[in-house]
Protein backbone atom coordinates (compact mmCIF):
# COMPACT_ATOMS: atom_id res chain seq x y z
CA MET A 1 -24.80 10.92 -2.74
CA PHE A 2 -23.54 8.75 -0.15
CA THR A 3 -21.46 5.61 -1.29
CA TYR A 4 -20.69 2.49 0.68
CA TYR A 5 -17.44 0.67 -0.07
CA ASN A 6 -15.06 -1.72 1.46
CA PRO A 7 -12.00 0.01 2.92
CA PRO A 8 -8.69 -1.67 1.86
CA VAL A 9 -7.29 -4.74 3.77
CA ILE A 10 -3.93 -6.11 3.77
CA VAL A 11 -3.84 -9.89 3.97
CA ASP A 12 -0.33 -10.44 2.79
CA ALA A 13 2.62 -8.61 1.09
CA GLY A 14 5.97 -9.26 -0.30
CA PRO A 15 8.98 -8.79 -0.20
CA LEU A 16 8.82 -7.02 3.32
CA ARG A 17 12.46 -5.72 3.00
CA GLY A 18 14.27 -3.63 0.64
CA PRO A 19 17.27 -1.53 0.33
CA VAL A 20 17.40 2.20 1.62
CA HIS A 21 17.72 3.47 -1.88
CA GLY A 22 14.15 2.19 -2.60
CA GLY A 23 13.10 0.92 -5.77
CA THR A 24 11.53 -2.51 -4.54
CA GLU A 25 8.46 -3.67 -6.18
CA VAL A 26 5.87 -4.68 -3.32
CA HIS A 27 2.93 -6.84 -4.09
CA VAL A 28 -0.03 -6.47 -1.62
CA TYR A 29 -2.85 -8.82 -1.43
CA GLY A 30 -6.25 -8.56 -0.03
CA PRO A 31 -9.93 -8.70 -0.70
CA ASN A 32 -12.05 -6.29 -2.91
CA TYR A 33 -9.60 -3.70 -4.00
CA ASP A 34 -11.39 -1.22 -6.06
CA LYS A 35 -9.80 -0.73 -9.62
CA GLY A 36 -11.76 2.54 -10.08
CA ARG A 37 -10.02 4.33 -7.42
CA ASN A 38 -6.40 5.59 -7.02
CA VAL A 39 -4.47 3.81 -4.41
CA ILE A 40 -1.51 4.80 -2.37
CA CYS A 41 0.98 2.74 -0.42
CA ILE A 42 2.40 4.50 2.62
CA PHE A 43 5.84 3.37 3.88
CA GLY A 44 6.24 4.90 7.39
CA SER A 45 5.18 8.41 6.39
CA ILE A 46 6.15 8.32 2.79
CA ARG A 47 3.36 8.15 0.24
CA THR A 48 3.74 6.43 -3.02
CA PRO A 49 1.34 5.63 -5.91
CA ALA A 50 0.04 2.05 -6.26
CA GLN A 51 -1.24 0.29 -9.06
CA VAL A 52 -4.53 -2.15 -8.60
CA VAL A 53 -3.52 -5.12 -10.68
CA THR A 54 -6.69 -7.18 -9.81
CA LYS A 55 -9.28 -7.00 -7.22
CA SER A 56 -7.06 -8.79 -4.82
CA HIS A 57 -3.54 -7.64 -5.92
CA ILE A 58 -1.87 -4.21 -5.61
CA LYS A 59 1.63 -3.24 -6.41
CA CYS A 60 3.76 -0.46 -5.34
CA THR A 61 7.43 0.56 -5.25
CA SER A 62 9.11 1.27 -2.05
CA PRO A 63 10.57 4.90 -1.79
CA PRO A 64 14.14 5.84 -0.65
CA PHE A 65 14.47 5.94 3.11
CA PRO A 66 17.20 7.80 5.03
CA THR A 67 18.09 4.95 7.33
CA ALA A 68 17.75 1.36 7.64
CA ARG A 69 14.94 0.51 9.83
CA ASP A 70 11.18 -1.07 10.19
CA VAL A 71 8.42 0.99 8.85
CA SER A 72 4.75 0.39 8.67
CA LEU A 73 3.24 -0.37 5.31
CA ILE A 74 -0.41 0.97 4.82
CA ILE A 75 -2.83 0.94 1.79
CA GLN A 76 -5.00 3.87 1.32
CA TYR A 77 -7.46 5.26 -1.26
CA GLU A 78 -6.38 8.44 -2.34
CA ASN A 79 -8.40 11.56 -0.75
CA ASP A 80 -9.99 9.04 1.78
CA ARG A 81 -9.55 9.08 5.55
CA PHE A 82 -9.89 5.23 5.96
CA LYS A 83 -6.63 3.28 5.88
CA SER A 84 -5.83 -0.53 5.92
CA SER A 85 -4.38 -2.23 8.99
CA GLN A 86 -0.56 -2.09 8.64
CA LEU A 87 2.27 -4.56 8.09
CA THR A 88 6.12 -3.84 8.84
CA PHE A 89 8.28 -3.43 5.90
């Protein structure tokens, strides 16, 4: 069976900064998030689990990072090759 769906999109997110020890709850907003799928937030290259709160709201927690710097924030459905566009965290 082949299934069509909308890949994740980031319209807004915040806060867009946090301490290097991680632990910042980041809220991501966009259209049509699929509550039936596992979602991952990717900070740079570090993947963290996310929670779909509503069809337009995801939350995830920033991981620890070795140095203070800008990294990309990407949303991806688990086991999927399609990713959202990125924001800088």
